[in-house]
Amino acid sequence: PAYGYLWWLNGQSTYLQPILRQETQG
């Protein structure tokens, strides 16, 4: 949810790190 069209978005509940694809809360 922290990714738009090639833009990174703050304020979402989780995000995936590039490469690692590790889900991070917050």
PDB file of all heavy atoms in Angstrom:
ATOM      1  N   PRO A   1       0.802  -1.235   0.000  1.00  0.00           N
ATOM      2  CA  PRO A   1       0.000   0.000   0.000  1.00  0.00           C
ATOM      3  C   PRO A   1       0.828   1.275   0.000  1.00  0.00           C
ATOM      4  O   PRO A   1       0.296   2.351  -0.263  1.00  0.00           O
ATOM      5  CB  PRO A   1      -0.839  -0.117   1.278  1.00  0.00           C
ATOM      6  CG  PRO A   1      -0.100  -1.093   2.138  1.00  0.00           C
ATOM      7  CD  PRO A   1       0.564  -2.048   1.201  1.00  0.00           C
ATOM      8  N   ALA A   2       2.120   1.168   0.262  1.00  0.00           N
ATOM      9  CA  ALA A   2       2.976   2.358   0.287  1.00  0.00           C
ATOM     10  C   ALA A   2       3.565   2.661  -1.080  1.00  0.00           C
ATOM     11  O   ALA A   2       4.520   3.434  -1.185  1.00  0.00           O
ATOM     12  CB  ALA A   2       4.092   2.182   1.308  1.00  0.00           C
ATOM     13  N   TYR A   3       2.989   2.087  -2.140  1.00  0.00           N
ATOM     14  CA  TYR A   3       3.516   2.299  -3.480  1.00  0.00           C
ATOM     15  C   TYR A   3       2.393   2.692  -4.429  1.00  0.00           C
ATOM     16  O   TYR A   3       1.386   1.995  -4.542  1.00  0.00           O
ATOM     17  CB  TYR A   3       4.207   1.031  -3.999  1.00  0.00           C
ATOM     18  CG  TYR A   3       5.287   1.300  -5.012  1.00  0.00           C
ATOM     19  CD1 TYR A   3       6.482   1.917  -4.633  1.00  0.00           C
ATOM     20  CD2 TYR A   3       5.146   0.936  -6.342  1.00  0.00           C
ATOM     21  CE1 TYR A   3       7.497   2.159  -5.557  1.00  0.00           C
ATOM     22  CE2 TYR A   3       6.155   1.165  -7.270  1.00  0.00           C
ATOM     23  CZ  TYR A   3       7.324   1.783  -6.867  1.00  0.00           C
ATOM     24  OH  TYR A   3       8.327   2.027  -7.773  1.00  0.00           O
ATOM     25  N   GLY A   4       2.602   3.846  -5.116  1.00  0.00           N
ATOM     26  CA  GLY A   4       1.652   4.290  -6.120  1.00  0.00           C
ATOM     27  C   GLY A   4       2.131   3.881  -7.496  1.00  0.00           C
ATOM     28  O   GLY A   4       2.526   2.733  -7.706  1.00  0.00           O
ATOM     29  N   TYR A   5       2.125   4.815  -8.431  1.00  0.00           N
ATOM     30  CA  TYR A   5       2.751   4.572  -9.727  1.00  0.00           C
ATOM     31  C   TYR A   5       4.192   5.070  -9.634  1.00  0.00           C
ATOM     32  O   TYR A   5       4.496   6.232  -9.899  1.00  0.00           O
ATOM     33  CB  TYR A   5       2.033   5.319 -10.847  1.00  0.00           C
ATOM     34  CG  TYR A   5       0.654   4.823 -11.204  1.00  0.00           C
ATOM     35  CD1 TYR A   5      -0.167   5.574 -12.037  1.00  0.00           C
ATOM     36  CD2 TYR A   5       0.153   3.616 -10.723  1.00  0.00           C
ATOM     37  CE1 TYR A   5      -1.442   5.143 -12.384  1.00  0.00           C
ATOM     38  CE2 TYR A   5      -1.115   3.176 -11.049  1.00  0.00           C
ATOM     39  CZ  TYR A   5      -1.909   3.943 -11.886  1.00  0.00           C
ATOM     40  OH  TYR A   5      -3.171   3.506 -12.222  1.00  0.00           O
ATOM     41  N   LEU A   6       5.105   4.212  -9.188  1.00  0.00           N
ATOM     42  CA  LEU A   6       6.533   4.514  -9.055  1.00  0.00           C
ATOM     43  C   LEU A   6       6.828   5.617  -8.042  1.00  0.00           C
ATOM     44  O   LEU A   6       7.953   6.112  -7.974  1.00  0.00           O
ATOM     45  CB  LEU A   6       7.154   4.858 -10.423  1.00  0.00           C
ATOM     46  CG  LEU A   6       6.943   3.810 -11.519  1.00  0.00           C
ATOM     47  CD1 LEU A   6       7.517   4.303 -12.852  1.00  0.00           C
ATOM     48  CD2 LEU A   6       7.591   2.480 -11.136  1.00  0.00           C
ATOM     49  N   TRP A   7       5.853   6.015  -7.251  1.00  0.00           N
ATOM     50  CA  TRP A   7       6.021   6.940  -6.128  1.00  0.00           C
ATOM     51  C   TRP A   7       5.863   6.161  -4.827  1.00  0.00           C
ATOM     52  O   TRP A   7       4.994   5.289  -4.709  1.00  0.00           O
ATOM     53  CB  TRP A   7       4.974   8.057  -6.155  1.00  0.00           C
ATOM     54  CG  TRP A   7       5.246   9.174  -7.106  1.00  0.00           C
ATOM     55  CD1 TRP A   7       4.863   9.254  -8.413  1.00  0.00           C
ATOM     56  CD2 TRP A   7       5.941  10.399  -6.822  1.00  0.00           C
ATOM     57  NE1 TRP A   7       5.281  10.449  -8.961  1.00  0.00           N
ATOM     58  CE2 TRP A   7       5.940  11.167  -8.012  1.00  0.00           C
ATOM     59  CE3 TRP A   7       6.566  10.922  -5.683  1.00  0.00           C
ATOM     60  CZ2 TRP A   7       6.538  12.428  -8.094  1.00  0.00           C
ATOM     61  CZ3 TRP A   7       7.159  12.176  -5.763  1.00  0.00           C
ATOM     62  CH2 TRP A   7       7.143  12.913  -6.949  1.00  0.00           C
ATOM     63  N   TRP A   8       6.675   6.503  -3.818  1.00  0.00           N
ATOM     64  CA  TRP A   8       6.528   5.943  -2.479  1.00  0.00           C
ATOM     65  C   TRP A   8       5.592   6.838  -1.665  1.00  0.00           C
ATOM     66  O   TRP A   8       5.643   8.064  -1.777  1.00  0.00           O
ATOM     67  CB  TRP A   8       7.882   5.823  -1.786  1.00  0.00           C
ATOM     68  CG  TRP A   8       8.732   4.724  -2.341  1.00  0.00           C
ATOM     69  CD1 TRP A   8       9.701   4.828  -3.290  1.00  0.00           C
ATOM     70  CD2 TRP A   8       8.672   3.344  -1.984  1.00  0.00           C
ATOM     71  NE1 TRP A   8      10.253   3.592  -3.561  1.00  0.00           N
ATOM     72  CE2 TRP A   8       9.645   2.664  -2.773  1.00  0.00           C
ATOM     73  CE3 TRP A   8       7.894   2.599  -1.086  1.00  0.00           C
ATOM     74  CZ2 TRP A   8       9.855   1.284  -2.667  1.00  0.00           C
ATOM     75  CZ3 TRP A   8       8.104   1.226  -0.992  1.00  0.00           C
ATOM     76  CH2 TRP A   8       9.069   0.589  -1.766  1.00  0.00           C
ATOM     77  N   LEU A   9       4.751   6.203  -0.835  1.00  0.00           N
ATOM     78  CA  LEU A   9       3.708   6.913  -0.107  1.00  0.00           C
ATOM     79  C   LEU A   9       3.860   6.702   1.388  1.00  0.00           C
ATOM     80  O   LEU A   9       3.916   5.562   1.867  1.00  0.00           O
ATOM     81  CB  LEU A   9       2.322   6.409  -0.543  1.00  0.00           C
ATOM     82  CG  LEU A   9       2.101   6.180  -2.047  1.00  0.00           C
ATOM     83  CD1 LEU A   9       0.726   5.565  -2.272  1.00  0.00           C
ATOM     84  CD2 LEU A   9       2.255   7.479  -2.824  1.00  0.00           C
ATOM     85  N   ASN A  10       3.894   7.776   2.135  1.00  0.00           N
ATOM     86  CA  ASN A  10       3.939   7.681   3.590  1.00  0.00           C
ATOM     87  C   ASN A  10       2.516   7.503   4.125  1.00  0.00           C
ATOM     88  O   ASN A  10       1.536   7.602   3.400  1.00  0.00           O
ATOM     89  CB  ASN A  10       4.582   8.938   4.179  1.00  0.00           C
ATOM     90  CG  ASN A  10       5.114   8.707   5.574  1.00  0.00           C
ATOM     91  OD1 ASN A  10       5.566   7.610   5.912  1.00  0.00           O
ATOM     92  ND2 ASN A  10       5.091   9.736   6.417  1.00  0.00           N
ATOM     93  N   GLY A  11       2.402   7.249   5.422  1.00  0.00           N
ATOM     94  CA  GLY A  11       1.098   7.248   6.077  1.00  0.00           C
ATOM     95  C   GLY A  11       0.285   5.986   5.905  1.00  0.00           C
ATOM     96  O   GLY A  11      -0.886   5.945   6.288  1.00  0.00           O
ATOM     97  N   GLN A  12       0.861   4.928   5.331  1.00  0.00           N
ATOM     98  CA  GLN A  12       0.131   3.676   5.177  1.00  0.00           C
ATOM     99  C   GLN A  12       0.416   2.753   6.369  1.00  0.00           C
ATOM    100  O   GLN A  12       1.368   2.945   7.110  1.00  0.00           O
ATOM    101  CB  GLN A  12       0.528   2.993   3.865  1.00  0.00           C
ATOM    102  CG  GLN A  12       0.382   3.884   2.650  1.00  0.00           C
ATOM    103  CD  GLN A  12      -1.023   4.423   2.471  1.00  0.00           C
ATOM    104  OE1 GLN A  12      -2.001   3.681   2.573  1.00  0.00           O
ATOM    105  NE2 GLN A  12      -1.139   5.718   2.208  1.00  0.00           N
ATOM    106  N   SER A  13      -0.415   1.736   6.529  1.00  0.00           N
ATOM    107  CA  SER A  13      -0.289   0.870   7.703  1.00  0.00           C
ATOM    108  C   SER A  13       0.896  -0.082   7.607  1.00  0.00           C
ATOM    109  O   SER A  13       1.456  -0.503   8.621  1.00  0.00           O
ATOM    110  CB  SER A  13      -1.573   0.061   7.902  1.00  0.00           C
ATOM    111  OG  SER A  13      -1.853  -0.722   6.739  1.00  0.00           O
ATOM    112  N   THR A  14       1.288  -0.447   6.374  1.00  0.00           N
ATOM    113  CA  THR A  14       2.431  -1.333   6.167  1.00  0.00           C
ATOM    114  C   THR A  14       3.138  -0.942   4.873  1.00  0.00           C
ATOM    115  O   THR A  14       2.597  -0.195   4.053  1.00  0.00           O
ATOM    116  CB  THR A  14       2.010  -2.814   6.046  1.00  0.00           C
ATOM    117  OG1 THR A  14       1.187  -2.972   4.889  1.00  0.00           O
ATOM    118  CG2 THR A  14       1.260  -3.288   7.276  1.00  0.00           C
ATOM    119  N   TYR A  15       4.329  -1.470   4.685  1.00  0.00           N
ATOM    120  CA  TYR A  15       5.013  -1.315   3.403  1.00  0.00           C
ATOM    121  C   TYR A  15       5.971  -2.489   3.209  1.00  0.00           C
ATOM    122  O   TYR A  15       6.379  -3.151   4.168  1.00  0.00           O
ATOM    123  CB  TYR A  15       5.776   0.013   3.313  1.00  0.00           C
ATOM    124  CG  TYR A  15       6.923   0.174   4.278  1.00  0.00           C
ATOM    125  CD1 TYR A  15       8.225  -0.187   3.925  1.00  0.00           C
ATOM    126  CD2 TYR A  15       6.725   0.728   5.546  1.00  0.00           C
ATOM    127  CE1 TYR A  15       9.283  -0.035   4.802  1.00  0.00           C
ATOM    128  CE2 TYR A  15       7.780   0.888   6.427  1.00  0.00           C
ATOM    129  CZ  TYR A  15       9.054   0.505   6.058  1.00  0.00           C
ATOM    130  OH  TYR A  15      10.099   0.663   6.929  1.00  0.00           O
ATOM    131  N   LEU A  16       6.292  -2.736   1.945  1.00  0.00           N
ATOM    132  CA  LEU A  16       7.281  -3.758   1.591  1.00  0.00           C
ATOM    133  C   LEU A  16       8.588  -3.072   1.231  1.00  0.00           C
ATOM    134  O   LEU A  16       8.612  -2.137   0.435  1.00  0.00           O
ATOM    135  CB  LEU A  16       6.806  -4.601   0.408  1.00  0.00           C
ATOM    136  CG  LEU A  16       5.632  -5.552   0.631  1.00  0.00           C
ATOM    137  CD1 LEU A  16       5.315  -6.291  -0.669  1.00  0.00           C
ATOM    138  CD2 LEU A  16       5.931  -6.546   1.735  1.00  0.00           C
ATOM    139  N   GLN A  17       9.681  -3.574   1.785  1.00  0.00           N
ATOM    140  CA  GLN A  17      11.000  -3.069   1.432  1.00  0.00           C
ATOM    141  C   GLN A  17      11.372  -3.509   0.016  1.00  0.00           C
ATOM    142  O   GLN A  17      11.028  -4.623  -0.402  1.00  0.00           O
ATOM    143  CB  GLN A  17      12.043  -3.602   2.400  1.00  0.00           C
ATOM    144  CG  GLN A  17      12.126  -2.863   3.716  1.00  0.00           C
ATOM    145  CD  GLN A  17      12.997  -1.622   3.616  1.00  0.00           C
ATOM    146  OE1 GLN A  17      13.464  -1.251   2.549  1.00  0.00           O
ATOM    147  NE2 GLN A  17      13.199  -0.959   4.740  1.00  0.00           N
ATOM    148  N   PRO A  18      12.066  -2.673  -0.736  1.00  0.00           N
ATOM    149  CA  PRO A  18      12.608  -3.125  -2.020  1.00  0.00           C
ATOM    150  C   PRO A  18      13.560  -4.306  -1.804  1.00  0.00           C
ATOM    151  O   PRO A  18      14.182  -4.427  -0.751  1.00  0.00           O
ATOM    152  CB  PRO A  18      13.371  -1.905  -2.537  1.00  0.00           C
ATOM    153  CG  PRO A  18      12.812  -0.753  -1.790  1.00  0.00           C
ATOM    154  CD  PRO A  18      12.389  -1.276  -0.450  1.00  0.00           C
ATOM    155  N   ILE A  19      13.654  -5.154  -2.790  1.00  0.00           N
ATOM    156  CA  ILE A  19      14.569  -6.286  -2.838  1.00  0.00           C
ATOM    157  C   ILE A  19      14.180  -7.361  -1.811  1.00  0.00           C
ATOM    158  O   ILE A  19      13.875  -8.498  -2.182  1.00  0.00           O
ATOM    159  CB  ILE A  19      16.042  -5.877  -2.613  1.00  0.00           C
ATOM    160  CG1 ILE A  19      16.374  -4.601  -3.406  1.00  0.00           C
ATOM    161  CG2 ILE A  19      16.969  -7.022  -2.974  1.00  0.00           C
ATOM    162  CD1 ILE A  19      16.098  -4.683  -4.869  1.00  0.00           C
ATOM    163  N   LEU A  20      14.184  -7.002  -0.529  1.00  0.00           N
ATOM    164  CA  LEU A  20      13.890  -7.991   0.507  1.00  0.00           C
ATOM    165  C   LEU A  20      12.434  -8.426   0.502  1.00  0.00           C
ATOM    166  O   LEU A  20      12.113  -9.530   0.920  1.00  0.00           O
ATOM    167  CB  LEU A  20      14.240  -7.422   1.890  1.00  0.00           C
ATOM    168  CG  LEU A  20      15.696  -7.046   2.135  1.00  0.00           C
ATOM    169  CD1 LEU A  20      15.859  -6.429   3.508  1.00  0.00           C
ATOM    170  CD2 LEU A  20      16.588  -8.271   1.991  1.00  0.00           C
ATOM    171  N   ARG A  21      11.549  -7.523   0.061  1.00  0.00           N
ATOM    172  CA  ARG A  21      10.107  -7.770   0.080  1.00  0.00           C
ATOM    173  C   ARG A  21       9.617  -8.104   1.483  1.00  0.00           C
ATOM    174  O   ARG A  21       8.656  -8.842   1.672  1.00  0.00           O
ATOM    175  CB  ARG A  21       9.724  -8.891  -0.905  1.00  0.00           C
ATOM    176  CG  ARG A  21      10.068  -8.607  -2.356  1.00  0.00           C
ATOM    177  CD  ARG A  21       9.553  -9.668  -3.310  1.00  0.00           C
ATOM    178  NE  ARG A  21       8.097  -9.726  -3.292  1.00  0.00           N
ATOM    179  CZ  ARG A  21       7.380 -10.685  -2.726  1.00  0.00           C
ATOM    180  NH1 ARG A  21       7.994 -11.695  -2.099  1.00  0.00           N
ATOM    181  NH2 ARG A  21       6.076 -10.668  -2.759  1.00  0.00           N
ATOM    182  N   GLN A  22      10.262  -7.568   2.469  1.00  0.00           N
ATOM    183  CA  GLN A  22       9.881  -7.809   3.861  1.00  0.00           C
ATOM    184  C   GLN A  22       8.815  -6.814   4.275  1.00  0.00           C
ATOM    185  O   GLN A  22       8.986  -5.604   4.133  1.00  0.00           O
ATOM    186  CB  GLN A  22      11.111  -7.655   4.765  1.00  0.00           C
ATOM    187  CG  GLN A  22      10.822  -7.761   6.244  1.00  0.00           C
ATOM    188  CD  GLN A  22      12.076  -7.546   7.074  1.00  0.00           C
ATOM    189  OE1 GLN A  22      13.188  -7.699   6.577  1.00  0.00           O
ATOM    190  NE2 GLN A  22      11.891  -7.178   8.324  1.00  0.00           N
ATOM    191  N   GLU A  23       7.680  -7.309   4.775  1.00  0.00           N
ATOM    192  CA  GLU A  23       6.612  -6.415   5.204  1.00  0.00           C
ATOM    193  C   GLU A  23       6.967  -5.776   6.547  1.00  0.00           C
ATOM    194  O   GLU A  23       7.347  -6.459   7.490  1.00  0.00           O
ATOM    195  CB  GLU A  23       5.281  -7.167   5.329  1.00  0.00           C
ATOM    196  CG  GLU A  23       4.122  -6.244   5.687  1.00  0.00           C
ATOM    197  CD  GLU A  23       2.784  -6.954   5.702  1.00  0.00           C
ATOM    198  OE1 GLU A  23       2.509  -7.650   6.705  1.00  0.00           O
ATOM    199  OE2 GLU A  23       2.012  -6.815   4.731  1.00  0.00           O
ATOM    200  N   THR A  24       6.856  -4.471   6.599  1.00  0.00           N
ATOM    201  CA  THR A  24       7.139  -3.720   7.815  1.00  0.00           C
ATOM    202  C   THR A  24       5.878  -3.009   8.252  1.00  0.00           C
ATOM    203  O   THR A  24       5.198  -2.369   7.450  1.00  0.00           O
ATOM    204  CB  THR A  24       8.260  -2.697   7.572  1.00  0.00           C
ATOM    205  OG1 THR A  24       9.426  -3.382   7.105  1.00  0.00           O
ATOM    206  CG2 THR A  24       8.599  -1.940   8.848  1.00  0.00           C
ATOM    207  N   GLN A  25       5.557  -3.114   9.522  1.00  0.00           N
ATOM    208  CA  GLN A  25       4.372  -2.456  10.054  1.00  0.00           C
ATOM    209  C   GLN A  25       4.624  -0.964  10.253  1.00  0.00           C
ATOM    210  O   GLN A  25       5.718  -0.553  10.631  1.00  0.00           O
ATOM    211  CB  GLN A  25       3.972  -3.072  11.398  1.00  0.00           C
ATOM    212  CG  GLN A  25       3.585  -4.543  11.318  1.00  0.00           C
ATOM    213  CD  GLN A  25       2.357  -4.775  10.464  1.00  0.00           C
ATOM    214  OE1 GLN A  25       1.338  -4.090  10.623  1.00  0.00           O
ATOM    215  NE2 GLN A  25       2.441  -5.732   9.554  1.00  0.00           N
ATOM    216  N   GLY A  26       3.592  -0.153   9.986  1.00  0.00           N
ATOM    217  CA  GLY A  26       3.702   1.282  10.187  1.00  0.00           C
ATOM    218  C   GLY A  26       4.088   2.005   8.911  1.00  0.00           C
ATOM    219  O   GLY A  26       4.355   1.385   7.870  1.00  0.00           O
TER     220      GLY A  26
END
